[in-house]
Amino acid sequence: MSRIVVQEGESFESALKRFKKMVQNDRVLSEVRRRRFYEKPSVIRKRKKATKLRKSRRQTRKSQQERF
């Protein structure tokens, strides 16, 4: 849970900006969006497999570029 302490004399806008940045860094909003609707286990497996495949391809491409 993201929480900030408002400093003495700090404006609301700057405190809100710090809070938004902290929420973004903690990936709270992306987690909320992901959990917004139920995902079947098969869909979760497909999504994870696709992510793994993308990461693998990116790693392969990166290692090939380093050789040249």
N, C-alpha and C. Protein backbone atom coordinates (compact mmCIF):
# COMPACT_ATOMS: atom_id res chain seq x y z
N MET A 1 0.84 -1.17 0.00
CA MET A 1 0.00 0.00 0.00
C MET A 1 0.88 1.23 0.00
N SER A 2 0.62 2.13 -0.93
CA SER A 2 1.42 3.34 -1.05
C SER A 2 0.93 4.39 -0.07
N ARG A 3 1.88 5.00 0.61
CA ARG A 3 1.52 6.01 1.58
C ARG A 3 2.63 7.06 1.60
N ILE A 4 2.22 8.32 1.67
CA ILE A 4 3.21 9.38 1.78
C ILE A 4 2.88 10.22 3.01
N VAL A 5 3.88 10.86 3.55
CA VAL A 5 3.69 11.78 4.67
C VAL A 5 3.88 13.18 4.12
N VAL A 6 2.87 14.02 4.32
CA VAL A 6 2.93 15.39 3.81
C VAL A 6 3.84 16.19 4.74
N GLN A 7 4.84 16.83 4.13
CA GLN A 7 5.80 17.63 4.88
C GLN A 7 5.16 18.93 5.36
N GLU A 8 5.73 19.52 6.36
CA GLU A 8 5.26 20.80 6.88
C GLU A 8 5.44 21.87 5.80
N GLY A 9 4.39 22.56 5.46
CA GLY A 9 4.45 23.62 4.46
C GLY A 9 4.45 23.13 3.02
N GLU A 10 4.25 21.83 2.79
CA GLU A 10 4.23 21.28 1.43
C GLU A 10 2.85 21.50 0.81
N SER A 11 2.84 21.87 -0.45
CA SER A 11 1.56 22.11 -1.11
C SER A 11 0.88 20.78 -1.46
N PHE A 12 -0.42 20.86 -1.63
CA PHE A 12 -1.20 19.66 -1.98
C PHE A 12 -0.76 19.11 -3.32
N GLU A 13 -0.47 19.99 -4.26
CA GLU A 13 -0.08 19.57 -5.60
C GLU A 13 1.21 18.76 -5.59
N SER A 14 2.19 19.23 -4.81
CA SER A 14 3.47 18.49 -4.77
C SER A 14 3.30 17.16 -4.05
N ALA A 15 2.46 17.11 -3.02
CA ALA A 15 2.21 15.85 -2.32
C ALA A 15 1.49 14.87 -3.24
N LEU A 16 0.53 15.38 -4.01
CA LEU A 16 -0.19 14.54 -4.96
C LEU A 16 0.75 14.01 -6.03
N LYS A 17 1.66 14.85 -6.50
CA LYS A 17 2.64 14.45 -7.50
C LYS A 17 3.54 13.33 -6.96
N ARG A 18 4.00 13.47 -5.71
CA ARG A 18 4.81 12.42 -5.10
C ARG A 18 4.04 11.11 -4.95
N PHE A 19 2.75 11.24 -4.56
CA PHE A 19 1.91 10.06 -4.41
C PHE A 19 1.72 9.34 -5.73
N LYS A 20 1.42 10.10 -6.79
CA LYS A 20 1.23 9.50 -8.11
C LYS A 20 2.49 8.78 -8.58
N LYS A 21 3.64 9.39 -8.33
CA LYS A 21 4.91 8.79 -8.73
C LYS A 21 5.15 7.49 -7.96
N MET A 22 4.83 7.50 -6.67
CA MET A 22 5.01 6.31 -5.85
C MET A 22 4.08 5.19 -6.31
N VAL A 23 2.84 5.53 -6.62
CA VAL A 23 1.87 4.54 -7.09
C VAL A 23 2.35 3.94 -8.41
N GLN A 24 2.88 4.79 -9.29
CA GLN A 24 3.37 4.31 -10.58
C GLN A 24 4.58 3.39 -10.38
N ASN A 25 5.47 3.74 -9.49
CA ASN A 25 6.64 2.90 -9.22
C ASN A 25 6.26 1.57 -8.59
N ASP A 26 5.21 1.57 -7.77
CA ASP A 26 4.76 0.34 -7.13
C ASP A 26 3.90 -0.51 -8.05
N ARG A 27 3.61 -0.01 -9.24
CA ARG A 27 2.80 -0.71 -10.25
C ARG A 27 1.41 -1.08 -9.74
N VAL A 28 0.84 -0.21 -8.93
CA VAL A 28 -0.48 -0.45 -8.36
C VAL A 28 -1.55 -0.39 -9.45
N LEU A 29 -1.48 0.64 -10.29
CA LEU A 29 -2.51 0.82 -11.32
C LEU A 29 -2.50 -0.30 -12.34
N SER A 30 -1.32 -0.76 -12.73
CA SER A 30 -1.27 -1.85 -13.70
C SER A 30 -1.84 -3.12 -13.10
N GLU A 31 -1.61 -3.32 -11.81
CA GLU A 31 -2.18 -4.48 -11.12
C GLU A 31 -3.70 -4.40 -11.06
N VAL A 32 -4.21 -3.20 -10.79
CA VAL A 32 -5.66 -3.00 -10.74
C VAL A 32 -6.27 -3.26 -12.11
N ARG A 33 -5.66 -2.74 -13.15
CA ARG A 33 -6.18 -2.96 -14.51
C ARG A 33 -6.15 -4.44 -14.87
N ARG A 34 -5.11 -5.13 -14.46
CA ARG A 34 -4.99 -6.54 -14.78
C ARG A 34 -6.03 -7.37 -14.05
N ARG A 35 -6.36 -7.00 -12.84
CA ARG A 35 -7.32 -7.75 -12.04
C ARG A 35 -8.75 -7.27 -12.20
N ARG A 36 -8.97 -6.33 -13.07
CA ARG A 36 -10.29 -5.75 -13.23
C ARG A 36 -11.33 -6.79 -13.65
N PHE A 37 -10.95 -7.68 -14.54
CA PHE A 37 -11.84 -8.73 -15.02
C PHE A 37 -11.19 -10.08 -14.76
N TYR A 38 -12.01 -11.09 -14.59
CA TYR A 38 -11.51 -12.43 -14.35
C TYR A 38 -10.83 -12.96 -15.60
N GLU A 39 -9.68 -13.58 -15.41
CA GLU A 39 -8.96 -14.23 -16.50
C GLU A 39 -8.95 -15.72 -16.26
N LYS A 40 -9.34 -16.46 -17.28
CA LYS A 40 -9.31 -17.91 -17.15
C LYS A 40 -7.85 -18.36 -17.04
N PRO A 41 -7.63 -19.48 -16.37
CA PRO A 41 -6.26 -19.98 -16.24
C PRO A 41 -5.57 -20.21 -17.58
N SER A 42 -6.33 -20.63 -18.59
CA SER A 42 -5.73 -20.85 -19.91
C SER A 42 -5.24 -19.53 -20.51
N VAL A 43 -5.98 -18.46 -20.29
CA VAL A 43 -5.58 -17.14 -20.80
C VAL A 43 -4.33 -16.66 -20.08
N ILE A 44 -4.27 -16.91 -18.79
CA ILE A 44 -3.08 -16.53 -18.02
C ILE A 44 -1.85 -17.26 -18.54
N ARG A 45 -2.00 -18.57 -18.79
CA ARG A 45 -0.88 -19.35 -19.33
C ARG A 45 -0.45 -18.82 -20.69
N LYS A 46 -1.41 -18.51 -21.56
CA LYS A 46 -1.07 -17.98 -22.89
C LYS A 46 -0.33 -16.66 -22.78
N ARG A 47 -0.79 -15.78 -21.89
CA ARG A 47 -0.16 -14.47 -21.71
C ARG A 47 1.26 -14.63 -21.21
N LYS A 48 1.46 -15.52 -20.23
CA LYS A 48 2.80 -15.74 -19.69
C LYS A 48 3.73 -16.34 -20.74
N LYS A 49 3.20 -17.27 -21.54
CA LYS A 49 4.00 -17.90 -22.59
C LYS A 49 4.41 -16.87 -23.63
N ALA A 50 3.48 -15.98 -24.01
CA ALA A 50 3.79 -14.94 -24.99
C ALA A 50 4.84 -13.98 -24.44
N THR A 51 4.74 -13.64 -23.16
CA THR A 51 5.73 -12.76 -22.55
C THR A 51 7.11 -13.42 -22.54
N LYS A 52 7.13 -14.69 -22.20
CA LYS A 52 8.39 -15.43 -22.18
C LYS A 52 9.01 -15.48 -23.57
N LEU A 53 8.19 -15.70 -24.59
CA LEU A 53 8.65 -15.78 -25.96
C LEU A 53 9.22 -14.43 -26.43
N ARG A 54 8.51 -13.34 -26.11
CA ARG A 54 8.99 -12.00 -26.47
C ARG A 54 10.33 -11.72 -25.81
N LYS A 55 10.44 -12.06 -24.53
CA LYS A 55 11.68 -11.82 -23.81
C LYS A 55 12.82 -12.63 -24.40
N SER A 56 12.54 -13.87 -24.76
CA SER A 56 13.55 -14.74 -25.36
C SER A 56 14.02 -14.18 -26.70
N ARG A 57 13.08 -13.75 -27.52
CA ARG A 57 13.44 -13.18 -28.83
C ARG A 57 14.27 -11.92 -28.67
N ARG A 58 13.89 -11.08 -27.72
CA ARG A 58 14.61 -9.84 -27.48
C ARG A 58 16.03 -10.15 -27.03
N GLN A 59 16.18 -11.13 -26.16
CA GLN A 59 17.51 -11.52 -25.66
C GLN A 59 18.37 -12.07 -26.79
N THR A 60 17.76 -12.89 -27.67
CA THR A 60 18.49 -13.46 -28.80
C THR A 60 18.95 -12.36 -29.75
N ARG A 61 18.04 -11.44 -30.03
CA ARG A 61 18.37 -10.33 -30.93
C ARG A 61 19.49 -9.48 -30.34
N LYS A 62 19.43 -9.25 -29.04
CA LYS A 62 20.45 -8.44 -28.38
C LYS A 62 21.82 -9.13 -28.42
N SER A 63 21.83 -10.43 -28.19
CA SER A 63 23.11 -11.15 -28.20
C SER A 63 23.70 -11.22 -29.62
N GLN A 64 22.85 -11.27 -30.64
CA GLN A 64 23.34 -11.28 -32.01
C GLN A 64 23.94 -9.94 -32.38
N GLN A 65 23.36 -8.86 -31.90
CA GLN A 65 23.88 -7.52 -32.19
C GLN A 65 25.23 -7.30 -31.52
N GLU A 66 25.44 -7.90 -30.36
CA GLU A 66 26.69 -7.71 -29.63
C GLU A 66 27.86 -8.38 -30.35
N ARG A 67 27.58 -9.41 -31.11
CA ARG A 67 28.65 -10.12 -31.84
C ARG A 67 29.26 -9.25 -32.93
N PHE A 68 28.47 -8.39 -33.52
CA PHE A 68 28.95 -7.59 -34.67
C PHE A 68 29.51 -6.31 -34.25
